[in-house]
Structures are given as structure tokens and as C-alpha cells.
Amino acid sequence: QFLGGDTNPNSVRTTSNLCTPGTHVVINNELFTPHCKNSTSKT
């Protein structure tokens, strides 16, 4: 998922996040079932 920051230069909105339409993945050896997970990117 690509997200752009808002008009506040101090706000946080990460990009290159993970979303899973009709899918699952494994993170840290556990099945990840929520729809989205934020990355550790800057804004």
C-alpha cells in the first residue's frame, strides 16, 4: 500500500505497508490474518 503524507509536515503516515485482499502471510513465524500492517518507513 502506497500512502502519501498530509499537509502537516510533522504527521506520520507510513508507505509500502502490507494489505491482504483475500490473502494471508506469515510474519515472525505466525500466520498474520488482519487486513493491513504498517511498515517502518518514514512519511
Full PDB file with SEQRES, HELIX, SHEET, SSBOND, CRYST1, ORIGX, SCALE, CONECT and MASTER records, all heavy atoms in Angstrom:
SEQRES   1 A   43  GLN PHE LEU GLY GLY ASP THR ASN PRO ASN SER VAL ARG          
SEQRES   2 A   43  THR THR SER ASN LEU CYS THR PRO GLY THR HIS VAL VAL          
SEQRES   3 A   43  ILE ASN ASN GLU LEU PHE THR PRO HIS CYS LYS ASN SER          
SEQRES   4 A   43  THR SER LYS THR                                              
SHEET    1 AA1 2 LEU A  18  CYS A  19  0                                        
SHEET    2 AA1 2 CYS A  36  LYS A  37 -1                                        
SHEET    1 AA2 2 VAL A  25  ILE A  27  0                                        
SHEET    2 AA2 2 GLU A  30  PHE A  32 -1                                        
SSBOND   1 CYS A   19    CYS A   36                          1555   1555  2.13  
CRYST1    1.000    1.000    1.000  90.00  90.00  90.00 P 1           1          
ORIGX1      1.000000  0.000000  0.000000        0.00000                         
ORIGX2      0.000000  1.000000  0.000000        0.00000                         
ORIGX3      0.000000  0.000000  1.000000        0.00000                         
SCALE1      1.000000  0.000000  0.000000        0.00000                         
SCALE2      0.000000  1.000000  0.000000        0.00000                         
SCALE3      0.000000  0.000000  1.000000        0.00000                         
ATOM      1  N   GLN A   1       0.835  -1.197   0.000  1.00  0.00           N  
ATOM      2  CA  GLN A   1       0.000   0.000   0.000  1.00  0.00           C  
ATOM      3  C   GLN A   1       0.871   1.250   0.000  1.00  0.00           C  
ATOM      4  O   GLN A   1       1.725   1.440   0.869  1.00  0.00           O  
ATOM      5  CB  GLN A   1      -0.886  -0.003   1.252  1.00  0.00           C  
ATOM      6  CG  GLN A   1      -1.787   1.203   1.391  1.00  0.00           C  
ATOM      7  CD  GLN A   1      -2.365   1.298   2.790  1.00  0.00           C  
ATOM      8  OE1 GLN A   1      -1.624   1.300   3.775  1.00  0.00           O  
ATOM      9  NE2 GLN A   1      -3.683   1.357   2.875  1.00  0.00           N  
ATOM     10  N   PHE A   2       0.642   2.130  -0.991  1.00  0.00           N  
ATOM     11  CA  PHE A   2       1.344   3.411  -1.053  1.00  0.00           C  
ATOM     12  C   PHE A   2       0.463   4.482  -0.409  1.00  0.00           C  
ATOM     13  O   PHE A   2      -0.707   4.646  -0.796  1.00  0.00           O  
ATOM     14  CB  PHE A   2       1.634   3.811  -2.498  1.00  0.00           C  
ATOM     15  CG  PHE A   2       2.573   2.883  -3.225  1.00  0.00           C  
ATOM     16  CD1 PHE A   2       2.526   2.802  -4.617  1.00  0.00           C  
ATOM     17  CD2 PHE A   2       3.495   2.112  -2.548  1.00  0.00           C  
ATOM     18  CE1 PHE A   2       3.394   1.962  -5.305  1.00  0.00           C  
ATOM     19  CE2 PHE A   2       4.371   1.262  -3.227  1.00  0.00           C  
ATOM     20  CZ  PHE A   2       4.317   1.192  -4.606  1.00  0.00           C  
ATOM     21  N   LEU A   3       1.010   5.216   0.536  1.00  0.00           N  
ATOM     22  CA  LEU A   3       0.303   6.328   1.165  1.00  0.00           C  
ATOM     23  C   LEU A   3       1.168   7.581   1.099  1.00  0.00           C  
ATOM     24  O   LEU A   3       2.385   7.513   1.313  1.00  0.00           O  
ATOM     25  CB  LEU A   3      -0.007   6.025   2.636  1.00  0.00           C  
ATOM     26  CG  LEU A   3      -0.973   4.876   2.944  1.00  0.00           C  
ATOM     27  CD1 LEU A   3      -1.142   4.715   4.455  1.00  0.00           C  
ATOM     28  CD2 LEU A   3      -2.328   5.110   2.294  1.00  0.00           C  
ATOM     29  N   GLY A   4       0.534   8.716   0.823  1.00  0.00           N  
ATOM     30  CA  GLY A   4       1.234   9.989   0.852  1.00  0.00           C  
ATOM     31  C   GLY A   4       0.915  10.740   2.124  1.00  0.00           C  
ATOM     32  O   GLY A   4      -0.168  10.594   2.701  1.00  0.00           O  
ATOM     33  N   GLY A   5       1.856  11.553   2.576  1.00  0.00           N  
ATOM     34  CA  GLY A   5       1.644  12.346   3.782  1.00  0.00           C  
ATOM     35  C   GLY A   5       0.631  13.455   3.564  1.00  0.00           C  
ATOM     36  O   GLY A   5       0.335  13.847   2.436  1.00  0.00           O  
ATOM     37  N   ASP A   6       0.108  13.989   4.673  1.00  0.00           N  
ATOM     38  CA  ASP A   6      -0.874  15.069   4.573  1.00  0.00           C  
ATOM     39  C   ASP A   6      -0.156  16.418   4.579  1.00  0.00           C  
ATOM     40  O   ASP A   6       1.043  16.489   4.296  1.00  0.00           O  
ATOM     41  CB  ASP A   6      -1.911  14.965   5.694  1.00  0.00           C  
ATOM     42  CG  ASP A   6      -1.288  15.025   7.083  1.00  0.00           C  
ATOM     43  OD1 ASP A   6      -0.176  15.576   7.231  1.00  0.00           O  
ATOM     44  OD2 ASP A   6      -1.921  14.511   8.024  1.00  0.00           O  
ATOM     45  N   THR A   7      -0.885  17.468   4.865  1.00  0.00           N  
ATOM     46  CA  THR A   7      -0.309  18.808   4.789  1.00  0.00           C  
ATOM     47  C   THR A   7       0.503  19.183   6.021  1.00  0.00           C  
ATOM     48  O   THR A   7       1.160  20.218   6.034  1.00  0.00           O  
ATOM     49  CB  THR A   7      -1.431  19.844   4.606  1.00  0.00           C  
ATOM     50  OG1 THR A   7      -2.387  19.696   5.670  1.00  0.00           O  
ATOM     51  CG2 THR A   7      -2.144  19.626   3.272  1.00  0.00           C  
ATOM     52  N   ASN A   8       0.462  18.355   7.049  1.00  0.00           N  
ATOM     53  CA  ASN A   8       1.228  18.619   8.266  1.00  0.00           C  
ATOM     54  C   ASN A   8       2.578  17.920   8.167  1.00  0.00           C  
ATOM     55  O   ASN A   8       2.642  16.693   8.184  1.00  0.00           O  
ATOM     56  CB  ASN A   8       0.462  18.105   9.485  1.00  0.00           C  
ATOM     57  CG  ASN A   8       1.204  18.352  10.793  1.00  0.00           C  
ATOM     58  OD1 ASN A   8       2.354  18.801  10.794  1.00  0.00           O  
ATOM     59  ND2 ASN A   8       0.560  18.042  11.898  1.00  0.00           N  
ATOM     60  N   PRO A   9       3.673  18.665   8.070  1.00  0.00           N  
ATOM     61  CA  PRO A   9       4.985  18.027   7.882  1.00  0.00           C  
ATOM     62  C   PRO A   9       5.414  17.168   9.069  1.00  0.00           C  
ATOM     63  O   PRO A   9       6.361  16.383   8.951  1.00  0.00           O  
ATOM     64  CB  PRO A   9       5.928  19.221   7.691  1.00  0.00           C  
ATOM     65  CG  PRO A   9       5.238  20.367   8.350  1.00  0.00           C  
ATOM     66  CD  PRO A   9       3.768  20.130   8.132  1.00  0.00           C  
ATOM     67  N   ASN A  10       4.730  17.315  10.196  1.00  0.00           N  
ATOM     68  CA  ASN A  10       5.089  16.538  11.382  1.00  0.00           C  
ATOM     69  C   ASN A  10       4.233  15.282  11.557  1.00  0.00           C  
ATOM     70  O   ASN A  10       4.455  14.501  12.482  1.00  0.00           O  
ATOM     71  CB  ASN A  10       4.966  17.408  12.636  1.00  0.00           C  
ATOM     72  CG  ASN A  10       5.925  18.585  12.619  1.00  0.00           C  
ATOM     73  OD1 ASN A  10       7.097  18.441  12.267  1.00  0.00           O  
ATOM     74  ND2 ASN A  10       5.425  19.759  12.974  1.00  0.00           N  
ATOM     75  N   SER A  11       3.261  15.084  10.670  1.00  0.00           N  
ATOM     76  CA  SER A  11       2.394  13.917  10.805  1.00  0.00           C  
ATOM     77  C   SER A  11       3.106  12.659  10.316  1.00  0.00           C  
ATOM     78  O   SER A  11       4.073  12.724   9.556  1.00  0.00           O  
ATOM     79  CB  SER A  11       1.100  14.126  10.024  1.00  0.00           C  
ATOM     80  OG  SER A  11       1.365  14.166   8.642  1.00  0.00           O  
ATOM     81  N   VAL A  12       2.612  11.521  10.744  1.00  0.00           N  
ATOM     82  CA  VAL A  12       3.211  10.238  10.372  1.00  0.00           C  
ATOM     83  C   VAL A  12       2.209   9.430   9.555  1.00  0.00           C  
ATOM     84  O   VAL A  12       1.079   9.208   9.984  1.00  0.00           O  
ATOM     85  CB  VAL A  12       3.625   9.438  11.628  1.00  0.00           C  
ATOM     86  CG1 VAL A  12       4.142   8.057  11.234  1.00  0.00           C  
ATOM     87  CG2 VAL A  12       4.677  10.202  12.420  1.00  0.00           C  
ATOM     88  N   ARG A  13       2.618   9.010   8.370  1.00  0.00           N  
ATOM     89  CA  ARG A  13       1.787   8.174   7.502  1.00  0.00           C  
ATOM     90  C   ARG A  13       2.725   7.301   6.684  1.00  0.00           C  
ATOM     91  O   ARG A  13       3.217   7.715   5.642  1.00  0.00           O  
ATOM     92  CB  ARG A  13       0.899   9.044   6.612  1.00  0.00           C  
ATOM     93  CG  ARG A  13      -0.336   8.316   6.048  1.00  0.00           C  
ATOM     94  CD  ARG A  13      -1.316   9.302   5.444  1.00  0.00           C  
ATOM     95  NE  ARG A  13      -2.572   8.641   5.105  1.00  0.00           N  
ATOM     96  CZ  ARG A  13      -3.071   8.568   3.866  1.00  0.00           C  
ATOM     97  NH1 ARG A  13      -2.413   9.093   2.851  1.00  0.00           N  
ATOM     98  NH2 ARG A  13      -4.232   7.967   3.643  1.00  0.00           N  
ATOM     99  N   THR A  14       2.989   6.114   7.161  1.00  0.00           N  
ATOM    100  CA  THR A  14       3.963   5.249   6.512  1.00  0.00           C  
ATOM    101  C   THR A  14       3.480   4.786   5.151  1.00  0.00           C  
ATOM    102  O   THR A  14       2.285   4.790   4.853  1.00  0.00           O  
ATOM    103  CB  THR A  14       4.261   4.028   7.385  1.00  0.00           C  
ATOM    104  OG1 THR A  14       3.046   3.286   7.586  1.00  0.00           O  
ATOM    105  CG2 THR A  14       4.822   4.446   8.740  1.00  0.00           C  
ATOM    106  N   THR A  15       4.414   4.361   4.324  1.00  0.00           N  
ATOM    107  CA  THR A  15       4.097   3.850   2.997  1.00  0.00           C  
ATOM    108  C   THR A  15       4.750   2.487   2.795  1.00  0.00           C  
ATOM    109  O   THR A  15       5.510   2.018   3.644  1.00  0.00           O  
ATOM    110  CB  THR A  15       4.538   4.837   1.899  1.00  0.00           C  
ATOM    111  OG1 THR A  15       3.982   4.452   0.646  1.00  0.00           O  
ATOM    112  CG2 THR A  15       6.048   4.925   1.791  1.00  0.00           C  
ATOM    113  N   SER A  16       4.449   1.853   1.678  1.00  0.00           N  
ATOM    114  CA  SER A  16       4.892   0.483   1.407  1.00  0.00           C  
ATOM    115  C   SER A  16       4.439  -0.441   2.541  1.00  0.00           C  
ATOM    116  O   SER A  16       5.171  -1.316   2.999  1.00  0.00           O  
ATOM    117  CB  SER A  16       6.410   0.408   1.206  1.00  0.00           C  
ATOM    118  OG  SER A  16       6.740  -0.611   0.287  1.00  0.00           O  
ATOM    119  N   ASN A  17       3.205  -0.206   2.979  1.00  0.00           N  
ATOM    120  CA  ASN A  17       2.594  -1.045   4.012  1.00  0.00           C  
ATOM    121  C   ASN A  17       2.117  -2.365   3.402  1.00  0.00           C  
ATOM    122  O   ASN A  17       2.139  -2.546   2.188  1.00  0.00           O  
ATOM    123  CB  ASN A  17       1.405  -0.316   4.643  1.00  0.00           C  
ATOM    124  CG  ASN A  17       1.795   1.032   5.206  1.00  0.00           C  
ATOM    125  OD1 ASN A  17       2.770   1.158   5.940  1.00  0.00           O  
ATOM    126  ND2 ASN A  17       1.037   2.070   4.851  1.00  0.00           N  
ATOM    127  N   LEU A  18       1.654  -3.263   4.227  1.00  0.00           N  
ATOM    128  CA  LEU A  18       1.117  -4.542   3.771  1.00  0.00           C  
ATOM    129  C   LEU A  18      -0.398  -4.548   3.902  1.00  0.00           C  
ATOM    130  O   LEU A  18      -0.930  -4.195   4.957  1.00  0.00           O  
ATOM    131  CB  LEU A  18       1.688  -5.689   4.620  1.00  0.00           C  
ATOM    132  CG  LEU A  18       0.995  -7.054   4.477  1.00  0.00           C  
ATOM    133  CD1 LEU A  18       1.250  -7.645   3.097  1.00  0.00           C  
ATOM    134  CD2 LEU A  18       1.462  -8.013   5.572  1.00  0.00           C  
ATOM    135  N   CYS A  19      -1.106  -4.946   2.837  1.00  0.00           N  
ATOM    136  CA  CYS A  19      -2.533  -5.227   2.907  1.00  0.00           C  
ATOM    137  C   CYS A  19      -2.790  -6.569   2.208  1.00  0.00           C  
ATOM    138  O   CYS A  19      -2.026  -6.972   1.330  1.00  0.00           O  
ATOM    139  CB  CYS A  19      -3.371  -4.116   2.275  1.00  0.00           C  
ATOM    140  SG  CYS A  19      -3.349  -2.571   3.216  1.00  0.00           S  
ATOM    141  N   THR A  20      -3.877  -7.236   2.593  1.00  0.00           N  
ATOM    142  CA  THR A  20      -4.065  -8.624   2.163  1.00  0.00           C  
ATOM    143  C   THR A  20      -5.491  -8.891   1.685  1.00  0.00           C  
ATOM    144  O   THR A  20      -6.277  -9.524   2.391  1.00  0.00           O  
ATOM    145  CB  THR A  20      -3.719  -9.577   3.325  1.00  0.00           C  
ATOM    146  OG1 THR A  20      -4.516  -9.201   4.472  1.00  0.00           O  
ATOM    147  CG2 THR A  20      -2.255  -9.508   3.697  1.00  0.00           C  
ATOM    148  N   PRO A  21      -5.852  -8.443   0.480  1.00  0.00           N  
ATOM    149  CA  PRO A  21      -7.189  -8.746  -0.047  1.00  0.00           C  
ATOM    150  C   PRO A  21      -7.325 -10.216  -0.443  1.00  0.00           C  
ATOM    151  O   PRO A  21      -6.742 -10.663  -1.430  1.00  0.00           O  
ATOM    152  CB  PRO A  21      -7.299  -7.821  -1.269  1.00  0.00           C  
ATOM    153  CG  PRO A  21      -5.883  -7.572  -1.683  1.00  0.00           C  
ATOM    154  CD  PRO A  21      -5.070  -7.604  -0.430  1.00  0.00           C  
ATOM    155  N   GLY A  22      -8.055 -10.977   0.390  1.00  0.00           N  
ATOM    156  CA  GLY A  22      -8.270 -12.390   0.114  1.00  0.00           C  
ATOM    157  C   GLY A  22      -7.052 -13.253   0.349  1.00  0.00           C  
ATOM    158  O   GLY A  22      -6.960 -14.360  -0.192  1.00  0.00           O  
ATOM    159  N   THR A  23      -6.120 -12.763   1.184  1.00  0.00           N  
ATOM    160  CA  THR A  23      -4.871 -13.484   1.404  1.00  0.00           C  
ATOM    161  C   THR A  23      -4.423 -13.393   2.860  1.00  0.00           C  
ATOM    162  O   THR A  23      -4.930 -12.591   3.642  1.00  0.00           O  
ATOM    163  CB  THR A  23      -3.742 -12.936   0.509  1.00  0.00           C  
ATOM    164  OG1 THR A  23      -3.610 -11.519   0.737  1.00  0.00           O  
ATOM    165  CG2 THR A  23      -4.036 -13.177  -0.959  1.00  0.00           C  
ATOM    166  N   HIS A  24      -3.455 -14.230   3.200  1.00  0.00           N  
ATOM    167  CA  HIS A  24      -2.747 -14.177   4.481  1.00  0.00           C  
ATOM    168  C   HIS A  24      -1.251 -14.285   4.190  1.00  0.00           C  
ATOM    169  O   HIS A  24      -0.841 -14.738   3.117  1.00  0.00           O  
ATOM    170  CB  HIS A  24      -3.147 -15.338   5.401  1.00  0.00           C  
ATOM    171  CG  HIS A  24      -4.562 -15.310   5.874  1.00  0.00           C  
ATOM    172  ND1 HIS A  24      -5.191 -14.159   6.294  1.00  0.00           N  
ATOM    173  CD2 HIS A  24      -5.474 -16.316   6.014  1.00  0.00           C  
ATOM    174  CE1 HIS A  24      -6.431 -14.449   6.668  1.00  0.00           C  
ATOM    175  NE2 HIS A  24      -6.623 -15.741   6.503  1.00  0.00           N  
ATOM    176  N   VAL A  25      -0.436 -13.905   5.178  1.00  0.00           N  
ATOM    177  CA  VAL A  25       1.006 -14.116   5.109  1.00  0.00           C  
ATOM    178  C   VAL A  25       1.484 -14.581   6.485  1.00  0.00           C  
ATOM    179  O   VAL A  25       0.711 -14.600   7.449  1.00  0.00           O  
ATOM    180  CB  VAL A  25       1.766 -12.821   4.711  1.00  0.00           C  
ATOM    181  CG1 VAL A  25       1.310 -12.315   3.347  1.00  0.00           C  
ATOM    182  CG2 VAL A  25       1.603 -11.737   5.770  1.00  0.00           C  
ATOM    183  N   VAL A  26       2.751 -14.940   6.567  1.00  0.00           N  
ATOM    184  CA  VAL A  26       3.361 -15.308   7.840  1.00  0.00           C  
ATOM    185  C   VAL A  26       4.377 -14.239   8.214  1.00  0.00           C  
ATOM    186  O   VAL A  26       5.246 -13.883   7.409  1.00  0.00           O  
ATOM    187  CB  VAL A  26       4.040 -16.694   7.752  1.00  0.00           C  
ATOM    188  CG1 VAL A  26       4.870 -16.973   9.007  1.00  0.00           C  
ATOM    189  CG2 VAL A  26       2.985 -17.782   7.570  1.00  0.00           C  
ATOM    190  N   ILE A  27       4.242 -13.695   9.421  1.00  0.00           N  
ATOM    191  CA  ILE A  27       5.169 -12.696   9.949  1.00  0.00           C  
ATOM    192  C   ILE A  27       5.683 -13.200  11.290  1.00  0.00           C  
ATOM    193  O   ILE A  27       4.891 -13.569  12.169  1.00  0.00           O  
ATOM    194  CB  ILE A  27       4.494 -11.321  10.119  1.00  0.00           C  
ATOM    195  CG1 ILE A  27       3.998 -10.801   8.765  1.00  0.00           C  
ATOM    196  CG2 ILE A  27       5.456 -10.315  10.749  1.00  0.00           C  
ATOM    197  CD1 ILE A  27       3.265  -9.475   8.850  1.00  0.00           C  
ATOM    198  N   ASN A  28       6.997 -13.225  11.441  1.00  0.00           N  
ATOM    199  CA  ASN A  28       7.613 -13.723  12.677  1.00  0.00           C  
ATOM    200  C   ASN A  28       7.094 -15.110  13.040  1.00  0.00           C  
ATOM    201  O   ASN A  28       6.778 -15.402  14.203  1.00  0.00           O  
ATOM    202  CB  ASN A  28       7.372 -12.737  13.833  1.00  0.00           C  
ATOM    203  CG  ASN A  28       8.041 -11.397  13.595  1.00  0.00           C  
ATOM    204  OD1 ASN A  28       9.115 -11.323  13.006  1.00  0.00           O  
ATOM    205  ND2 ASN A  28       7.398 -10.328  14.034  1.00  0.00           N  
ATOM    206  N   ASN A  29       6.993 -15.960  12.027  1.00  0.00           N  
ATOM    207  CA  ASN A  29       6.601 -17.368  12.196  1.00  0.00           C  
ATOM    208  C   ASN A  29       5.156 -17.561  12.638  1.00  0.00           C  
ATOM    209  O   ASN A  29       4.782 -18.649  13.078  1.00  0.00           O  
ATOM    210  CB  ASN A  29       7.530 -18.076  13.184  1.00  0.00           C  
ATOM    211  CG  ASN A  29       8.963 -18.132  12.684  1.00  0.00           C  
ATOM    212  OD1 ASN A  29       9.205 -18.434  11.510  1.00  0.00           O  
ATOM    213  ND2 ASN A  29       9.916 -17.832  13.559  1.00  0.00           N  
ATOM    214  N   GLU A  30       4.329 -16.530  12.524  1.00  0.00           N  
ATOM    215  CA  GLU A  30       2.917 -16.638  12.867  1.00  0.00           C  
ATOM    216  C   GLU A  30       2.058 -16.175  11.699  1.00  0.00           C  
ATOM    217  O   GLU A  30       2.388 -15.194  11.027  1.00  0.00           O  
ATOM    218  CB  GLU A  30       2.587 -15.815  14.115  1.00  0.00           C  
ATOM    219  CG  GLU A  30       3.264 -16.320  15.380  1.00  0.00           C  
ATOM    220  CD  GLU A  30       2.810 -15.562  16.616  1.00  0.00           C  
ATOM    221  OE1 GLU A  30       1.964 -14.646  16.475  1.00  0.00           O  
ATOM    222  OE2 GLU A  30       3.317 -15.862  17.707  1.00  0.00           O  
ATOM    223  N   LEU A  31       0.944 -16.876  11.475  1.00  0.00           N  
ATOM    224  CA  LEU A  31       0.030 -16.500  10.408  1.00  0.00           C  
ATOM    225  C   LEU A  31      -0.587 -15.144  10.734  1.00  0.00           C  
ATOM    226  O   LEU A  31      -1.180 -14.950  11.797  1.00  0.00           O  
ATOM    227  CB  LEU A  31      -1.069 -17.546  10.252  1.00  0.00           C  
ATOM    228  CG  LEU A  31      -1.983 -17.378   9.028  1.00  0.00           C  
ATOM    229  CD1 LEU A  31      -1.197 -17.625   7.745  1.00  0.00           C  
ATOM    230  CD2 LEU A  31      -3.173 -18.332   9.122  1.00  0.00           C  
ATOM    231  N   PHE A  32      -0.450 -14.192   9.802  1.00  0.00           N  
ATOM    232  CA  PHE A  32      -0.977 -12.845  10.003  1.00  0.00           C  
ATOM    233  C   PHE A  32      -2.308 -12.744   9.270  1.00  0.00           C  
ATOM    234  O   PHE A  32      -2.370 -12.856   8.046  1.00  0.00           O  
ATOM    235  CB  PHE A  32       0.016 -11.812   9.449  1.00  0.00           C  
ATOM    236  CG  PHE A  32      -0.432 -10.383   9.627  1.00  0.00           C  
ATOM    237  CD1 PHE A  32      -0.293  -9.742  10.842  1.00  0.00           C  
ATOM    238  CD2 PHE A  32      -1.002  -9.686   8.572  1.00  0.00           C  
ATOM    239  CE1 PHE A  32      -0.707  -8.425  11.008  1.00  0.00           C  
ATOM    240  CE2 PHE A  32      -1.419  -8.374   8.720  1.00  0.00           C  
ATOM    241  CZ  PHE A  32      -1.266  -7.744   9.946  1.00  0.00           C  
ATOM    242  N   THR A  33      -3.387 -12.560  10.016  1.00  0.00           N  
ATOM    243  CA  THR A  33      -4.724 -12.557   9.423  1.00  0.00           C  
ATOM    244  C   THR A  33      -5.403 -11.188   9.374  1.00  0.00           C  
ATOM    245  O   THR A  33      -6.401 -11.055   8.653  1.00  0.00           O  
ATOM    246  CB  THR A  33      -5.634 -13.544  10.165  1.00  0.00           C  
ATOM    247  OG1 THR A  33      -5.705 -13.185  11.544  1.00  0.00           O  
ATOM    248  CG2 THR A  33      -5.101 -14.971  10.045  1.00  0.00           C  
ATOM    249  N   PRO A  34      -4.960 -10.149  10.119  1.00  0.00           N  
ATOM    250  CA  PRO A  34      -5.565  -8.828   9.916  1.00  0.00           C  
ATOM    251  C   PRO A  34      -5.349  -8.347   8.481  1.00  0.00           C  
ATOM    252  O   PRO A  34      -4.504  -8.874   7.757  1.00  0.00           O  
ATOM    253  CB  PRO A  34      -4.816  -7.939  10.920  1.00  0.00           C  
ATOM    254  CG  PRO A  34      -4.321  -8.877  11.965  1.00  0.00           C  
ATOM    255  CD  PRO A  34      -3.983 -10.142  11.224  1.00  0.00           C  
ATOM    256  N   HIS A  35      -6.098  -7.322   8.086  1.00  0.00           N  
ATOM    257  CA  HIS A  35      -6.030  -6.891   6.690  1.00  0.00           C  
ATOM    258  C   HIS A  35      -4.767  -6.113   6.371  1.00  0.00           C  
ATOM    259  O   HIS A  35      -4.168  -6.304   5.301  1.00  0.00           O  
ATOM    260  CB  HIS A  35      -7.253  -6.040   6.354  1.00  0.00           C  
ATOM    261  CG  HIS A  35      -7.265  -5.530   4.941  1.00  0.00           C  
ATOM    262  ND1 HIS A  35      -6.992  -6.330   3.850  1.00  0.00           N  
ATOM    263  CD2 HIS A  35      -7.495  -4.285   4.438  1.00  0.00           C  
ATOM    264  CE1 HIS A  35      -7.075  -5.621   2.742  1.00  0.00           C  
ATOM    265  NE2 HIS A  35      -7.362  -4.377   3.072  1.00  0.00           N  
ATOM    266  N   CYS A  36      -4.336  -5.224   7.250  1.00  0.00           N  
ATOM    267  CA  CYS A  36      -3.188  -4.371   6.942  1.00  0.00           C  
ATOM    268  C   CYS A  36      -2.220  -4.285   8.115  1.00  0.00           C  
ATOM    269  O   CYS A  36      -2.605  -4.468   9.271  1.00  0.00           O  
ATOM    270  CB  CYS A  36      -3.637  -2.959   6.562  1.00  0.00           C  
ATOM    271  SG  CYS A  36      -4.507  -2.837   4.982  1.00  0.00           S  
ATOM    272  N   LYS A  37      -0.973  -3.986   7.785  1.00  0.00           N  
ATOM    273  CA  LYS A  37       0.068  -3.772   8.788  1.00  0.00           C  
ATOM    274  C   LYS A  37       0.985  -2.673   8.288  1.00  0.00           C  
ATOM    275  O   LYS A  37       1.467  -2.725   7.156  1.00  0.00           O  
ATOM    276  CB  LYS A  37       0.871  -5.049   9.032  1.00  0.00           C  
ATOM    277  CG  LYS A  37       1.978  -4.909  10.084  1.00  0.00           C  
ATOM    278  CD  LYS A  37       2.687  -6.232  10.299  1.00  0.00           C  
ATOM    279  CE  LYS A  37       3.863  -6.100  11.257  1.00  0.00           C  
ATOM    280  NZ  LYS A  37       3.431  -5.662  12.606  1.00  0.00           N  
ATOM    281  N   ASN A  38       1.215  -1.666   9.138  1.00  0.00           N  
ATOM    282  CA  ASN A  38       2.073  -0.558   8.746  1.00  0.00           C  
ATOM    283  C   ASN A  38       3.527  -0.989   8.654  1.00  0.00           C  
ATOM    284  O   ASN A  38       4.003  -1.820   9.431  1.00  0.00           O  
ATOM    285  CB  ASN A  38       1.957   0.594   9.742  1.00  0.00           C  
ATOM    286  CG  ASN A  38       0.653   1.342   9.611  1.00  0.00           C  
ATOM    287  OD1 ASN A  38      -0.071   1.199   8.626  1.00  0.00           O  
ATOM    288  ND2 ASN A  38       0.323   2.147  10.614  1.00  0.00           N  
ATOM    289  N   SER A  39       4.228  -0.388   7.709  1.00  0.00           N  
ATOM    290  CA  SER A  39       5.660  -0.626   7.581  1.00  0.00           C  
ATOM    291  C   SER A  39       6.406   0.268   8.583  1.00  0.00           C  
ATOM    292  O   SER A  39       5.798   1.009   9.357  1.00  0.00           O  
ATOM    293  CB  SER A  39       6.114  -0.307   6.158  1.00  0.00           C  
ATOM    294  OG  SER A  39       6.196   1.101   5.962  1.00  0.00           O  
ATOM    295  N   THR A  40       7.721   0.219   8.523  1.00  0.00           N  
ATOM    296  CA  THR A  40       8.554   1.064   9.392  1.00  0.00           C  
ATOM    297  C   THR A  40       9.117   2.255   8.623  1.00  0.00           C  
ATOM    298  O   THR A  40      10.107   2.853   9.045  1.00  0.00           O  
ATOM    299  CB  THR A  40       9.704   0.250   9.994  1.00  0.00           C  
ATOM    300  OG1 THR A  40      10.498  -0.313   8.924  1.00  0.00           O  
ATOM    301  CG2 THR A  40       9.171  -0.869  10.877  1.00  0.00           C  
ATOM    302  N   SER A  41       8.478   2.615   7.508  1.00  0.00           N  
ATOM    303  CA  SER A  41       9.011   3.688   6.665  1.00  0.00           C  
ATOM    304  C   SER A  41       8.814   5.062   7.293  1.00  0.00           C  
ATOM    305  O   SER A  41       8.011   5.252   8.205  1.00  0.00           O  
ATOM    306  CB  SER A  41       8.338   3.666   5.294  1.00  0.00           C  
ATOM    307  OG  SER A  41       7.098   4.348   5.320  1.00  0.00           O  
ATOM    308  N   LYS A  42       9.501   6.036   6.726  1.00  0.00           N  
ATOM    309  CA  LYS A  42       9.236   7.423   7.071  1.00  0.00           C  
ATOM    310  C   LYS A  42       8.020   7.890   6.275  1.00  0.00           C  
ATOM    311  O   LYS A  42       7.481   7.143   5.436  1.00  0.00           O  
ATOM    312  CB  LYS A  42      10.445   8.298   6.763  1.00  0.00           C  
ATOM    313  CG  LYS A  42      10.722   8.491   5.274  1.00  0.00           C  
ATOM    314  CD  LYS A  42      11.946   9.394   5.074  1.00  0.00           C  
ATOM    315  CE  LYS A  42      12.143   9.746   3.601  1.00  0.00           C  
ATOM    316  NZ  LYS A  42      13.349  10.591   3.381  1.00  0.00           N  
ATOM    317  N   THR A  43       7.593   9.121   6.497  1.00  0.00           N  
ATOM    318  CA  THR A  43       6.461   9.695   5.765  1.00  0.00           C  
ATOM    319  C   THR A  43       6.984  10.539   4.600  1.00  0.00           C  
ATOM    320  O   THR A  43       7.922  11.319   4.762  1.00  0.00           O  
ATOM    321  CB  THR A  43       5.605  10.572   6.691  1.00  0.00           C  
ATOM    322  OG1 THR A  43       5.147   9.776   7.781  1.00  0.00           O  
ATOM    323  CG2 THR A  43       4.410  11.143   5.956  1.00  0.00           C  
TER     324      THR A  43                                                      
CONECT  140  271                                                                
CONECT  271  140                                                                
MASTER        0    0    0    0    4    0    0    6  323    1    2    4          
END                                                                             
